[in-house]
Amino acid sequence: MRIAITLVLIWFFKFSVVSAKKLDLKPFFLVGLIASIAAAVASLVGFVLICCLCKQNQEDTKQRKPKKEEAPDF
């Protein structure tokens, strides 16, 4: 999902750059550039946070020892 969002943002960035250059719309070019960079950074930060949380969860799971259940004596 993150890869798809990143690809859409890259496409939007390319489209906004080409459109702004053709139409000579520098303010729109700058807004598109800033928005694309901000979205890409936010996506990367989210991805890094998810990776860190998953890694931490795996370490916590390894540290916990499962309780041994005693079988009833018959």
N, C-alpha and C. Protein backbone atom coordinates (compact mmCIF):
# COMPACT_ATOMS: atom_id res chain seq x y z
N MET A 1 0.83 -1.20 0.00
CA MET A 1 0.00 0.00 0.00
C MET A 1 0.87 1.25 0.00
N ARG A 2 1.91 1.25 0.81
CA ARG A 2 2.80 2.41 0.86
C ARG A 2 3.51 2.62 -0.47
N ILE A 3 3.86 1.53 -1.12
CA ILE A 3 4.53 1.64 -2.41
C ILE A 3 3.59 2.28 -3.42
N ALA A 4 2.33 1.88 -3.40
CA ALA A 4 1.36 2.45 -4.33
C ALA A 4 1.18 3.95 -4.07
N ILE A 5 1.10 4.33 -2.81
CA ILE A 5 0.95 5.75 -2.47
C ILE A 5 2.17 6.53 -2.93
N THR A 6 3.36 5.97 -2.69
CA THR A 6 4.59 6.64 -3.11
C THR A 6 4.63 6.80 -4.63
N LEU A 7 4.23 5.75 -5.35
CA LEU A 7 4.23 5.84 -6.82
C LEU A 7 3.24 6.90 -7.31
N VAL A 8 2.09 6.99 -6.68
CA VAL A 8 1.11 8.01 -7.06
C VAL A 8 1.68 9.41 -6.78
N LEU A 9 2.36 9.56 -5.67
CA LEU A 9 2.95 10.87 -5.34
C LEU A 9 4.04 11.24 -6.34
N ILE A 10 4.84 10.26 -6.74
CA ILE A 10 5.88 10.53 -7.74
C ILE A 10 5.24 10.92 -9.07
N TRP A 11 4.18 10.21 -9.46
CA TRP A 11 3.48 10.55 -10.70
C TRP A 11 2.90 11.95 -10.61
N PHE A 12 2.28 12.29 -9.47
CA PHE A 12 1.72 13.62 -9.29
C PHE A 12 2.80 14.68 -9.37
N PHE A 13 3.95 14.40 -8.78
CA PHE A 13 5.06 15.35 -8.82
C PHE A 13 5.52 15.57 -10.27
N LYS A 14 5.70 14.48 -11.02
CA LYS A 14 6.12 14.62 -12.42
C LYS A 14 5.08 15.39 -13.23
N PHE A 15 3.80 15.07 -13.01
CA PHE A 15 2.73 15.74 -13.73
C PHE A 15 2.71 17.23 -13.39
N SER A 16 2.86 17.57 -12.11
CA SER A 16 2.82 18.97 -11.71
C SER A 16 4.02 19.73 -12.25
N VAL A 17 5.19 19.09 -12.30
CA VAL A 17 6.38 19.75 -12.83
C VAL A 17 6.21 20.03 -14.32
N VAL A 18 5.75 19.04 -15.06
CA VAL A 18 5.57 19.21 -16.51
C VAL A 18 4.50 20.27 -16.80
N SER A 19 3.38 20.22 -16.06
CA SER A 19 2.31 21.19 -16.27
C SER A 19 2.76 22.60 -15.93
N ALA A 20 3.47 22.73 -14.83
CA ALA A 20 3.91 24.06 -14.40
C ALA A 20 4.92 24.64 -15.37
N LYS A 21 5.79 23.81 -15.92
CA LYS A 21 6.78 24.32 -16.87
C LYS A 21 6.11 24.72 -18.19
N LYS A 22 5.15 23.93 -18.63
CA LYS A 22 4.47 24.24 -19.89
C LYS A 22 3.64 25.52 -19.78
N LEU A 23 2.96 25.67 -18.65
CA LEU A 23 2.06 26.80 -18.48
C LEU A 23 2.72 28.00 -17.78
N ASP A 24 3.98 27.84 -17.39
CA ASP A 24 4.72 28.89 -16.69
C ASP A 24 3.97 29.31 -15.41
N LEU A 25 3.62 28.34 -14.60
CA LEU A 25 2.92 28.59 -13.34
C LEU A 25 3.86 28.27 -12.18
N LYS A 26 4.74 29.18 -11.87
CA LYS A 26 5.73 28.92 -10.83
C LYS A 26 5.11 28.73 -9.44
N PRO A 27 4.10 29.51 -9.05
CA PRO A 27 3.53 29.27 -7.71
C PRO A 27 2.93 27.87 -7.57
N PHE A 28 2.22 27.41 -8.60
CA PHE A 28 1.63 26.07 -8.55
C PHE A 28 2.71 25.00 -8.56
N PHE A 29 3.79 25.27 -9.29
CA PHE A 29 4.92 24.35 -9.31
C PHE A 29 5.51 24.21 -7.90
N LEU A 30 5.70 25.33 -7.23
CA LEU A 30 6.28 25.29 -5.88
C LEU A 30 5.35 24.60 -4.89
N VAL A 31 4.06 24.88 -4.99
CA VAL A 31 3.09 24.23 -4.10
C VAL A 31 3.07 22.73 -4.34
N GLY A 32 3.06 22.32 -5.59
CA GLY A 32 3.08 20.90 -5.92
C GLY A 32 4.36 20.22 -5.46
N LEU A 33 5.47 20.92 -5.63
CA LEU A 33 6.75 20.37 -5.20
C LEU A 33 6.79 20.19 -3.69
N ILE A 34 6.38 21.21 -2.96
CA ILE A 34 6.40 21.15 -1.49
C ILE A 34 5.43 20.08 -0.99
N ALA A 35 4.24 20.02 -1.59
CA ALA A 35 3.26 19.02 -1.16
C ALA A 35 3.75 17.60 -1.45
N SER A 36 4.37 17.40 -2.59
CA SER A 36 4.88 16.07 -2.95
C SER A 36 6.01 15.65 -2.01
N ILE A 37 6.91 16.56 -1.73
CA ILE A 37 8.02 16.24 -0.83
C ILE A 37 7.50 15.95 0.57
N ALA A 38 6.57 16.76 1.04
CA ALA A 38 6.01 16.55 2.39
C ALA A 38 5.29 15.21 2.48
N ALA A 39 4.53 14.85 1.46
CA ALA A 39 3.82 13.57 1.47
C ALA A 39 4.79 12.40 1.41
N ALA A 40 5.84 12.53 0.61
CA ALA A 40 6.82 11.45 0.52
C ALA A 40 7.55 11.27 1.85
N VAL A 41 7.92 12.37 2.49
CA VAL A 41 8.59 12.29 3.79
C VAL A 41 7.66 11.68 4.83
N ALA A 42 6.40 12.09 4.83
CA ALA A 42 5.44 11.53 5.79
C ALA A 42 5.26 10.03 5.55
N SER A 43 5.23 9.61 4.30
CA SER A 43 5.09 8.19 3.99
C SER A 43 6.31 7.41 4.47
N LEU A 44 7.49 7.95 4.25
CA LEU A 44 8.71 7.27 4.70
C LEU A 44 8.78 7.21 6.23
N VAL A 45 8.41 8.28 6.89
CA VAL A 45 8.42 8.29 8.35
C VAL A 45 7.44 7.26 8.90
N GLY A 46 6.27 7.18 8.30
CA GLY A 46 5.29 6.18 8.71
C GLY A 46 5.81 4.77 8.50
N PHE A 47 6.46 4.53 7.38
CA PHE A 47 7.02 3.22 7.10
C PHE A 47 8.09 2.84 8.12
N VAL A 48 8.97 3.80 8.45
CA VAL A 48 10.03 3.54 9.43
C VAL A 48 9.43 3.27 10.81
N LEU A 49 8.42 4.04 11.19
CA LEU A 49 7.78 3.81 12.49
C LEU A 49 7.12 2.44 12.56
N ILE A 50 6.46 2.03 11.49
CA ILE A 50 5.83 0.71 11.48
C ILE A 50 6.89 -0.38 11.58
N CYS A 51 8.01 -0.22 10.87
CA CYS A 51 9.09 -1.21 10.95
C CYS A 51 9.66 -1.29 12.36
N CYS A 52 9.87 -0.13 12.99
CA CYS A 52 10.40 -0.12 14.36
C CYS A 52 9.44 -0.77 15.33
N LEU A 53 8.15 -0.49 15.19
CA LEU A 53 7.17 -1.09 16.09
C LEU A 53 7.08 -2.60 15.91
N CYS A 54 7.16 -3.06 14.66
CA CYS A 54 7.12 -4.50 14.41
C CYS A 54 8.36 -5.18 14.99
N LYS A 55 9.51 -4.55 14.83
CA LYS A 55 10.75 -5.12 15.36
C LYS A 55 10.70 -5.17 16.88
N GLN A 56 10.22 -4.10 17.51
CA GLN A 56 10.09 -4.06 18.97
C GLN A 56 9.12 -5.13 19.45
N ASN A 57 8.02 -5.31 18.74
CA ASN A 57 7.03 -6.32 19.11
C ASN A 57 7.63 -7.72 19.02
N GLN A 58 8.44 -7.98 18.00
CA GLN A 58 9.09 -9.28 17.87
C GLN A 58 10.07 -9.53 19.01
N GLU A 59 10.83 -8.50 19.40
CA GLU A 59 11.77 -8.65 20.50
C GLU A 59 11.04 -8.89 21.82
N ASP A 60 9.94 -8.19 22.03
CA ASP A 60 9.16 -8.40 23.25
C ASP A 60 8.58 -9.80 23.30
N THR A 61 8.15 -10.30 22.16
CA THR A 61 7.58 -11.64 22.10
C THR A 61 8.65 -12.69 22.40
N LYS A 62 9.87 -12.48 21.91
CA LYS A 62 10.96 -13.43 22.16
C LYS A 62 11.37 -13.43 23.63
N GLN A 63 11.30 -12.26 24.28
CA GLN A 63 11.73 -12.17 25.68
C GLN A 63 10.73 -12.83 26.62
N ARG A 64 9.47 -12.80 26.27
CA ARG A 64 8.45 -13.43 27.11
C ARG A 64 8.56 -14.94 27.00
N LYS A 65 8.62 -15.58 28.13
CA LYS A 65 8.66 -17.05 28.12
C LYS A 65 7.25 -17.58 28.30
N PRO A 66 6.88 -18.52 27.50
CA PRO A 66 5.52 -19.07 27.65
C PRO A 66 5.40 -19.83 28.97
N LYS A 67 4.25 -19.71 29.58
CA LYS A 67 3.99 -20.43 30.83
C LYS A 67 3.74 -21.90 30.51
N LYS A 68 4.35 -22.73 31.32
CA LYS A 68 4.14 -24.16 31.13
C LYS A 68 2.86 -24.55 31.85
N GLU A 69 2.00 -25.16 31.12
CA GLU A 69 0.75 -25.63 31.71
C GLU A 69 0.96 -27.05 32.23
N GLU A 70 0.61 -27.22 33.46
CA GLU A 70 0.78 -28.55 34.05
C GLU A 70 -0.40 -29.43 33.67
N ALA A 71 -0.09 -30.60 33.26
CA ALA A 71 -1.14 -31.56 32.91
C ALA A 71 -1.72 -32.16 34.18
N PRO A 72 -3.01 -32.33 34.23
CA PRO A 72 -3.59 -32.94 35.45
C PRO A 72 -3.18 -34.40 35.58
N ASP A 73 -2.93 -34.78 36.80
CA ASP A 73 -2.56 -36.18 37.07
C ASP A 73 -3.82 -37.02 37.22
N PHE A 74 -3.87 -38.13 36.52
CA PHE A 74 -5.03 -39.02 36.62
C PHE A 74 -4.65 -40.24 37.40
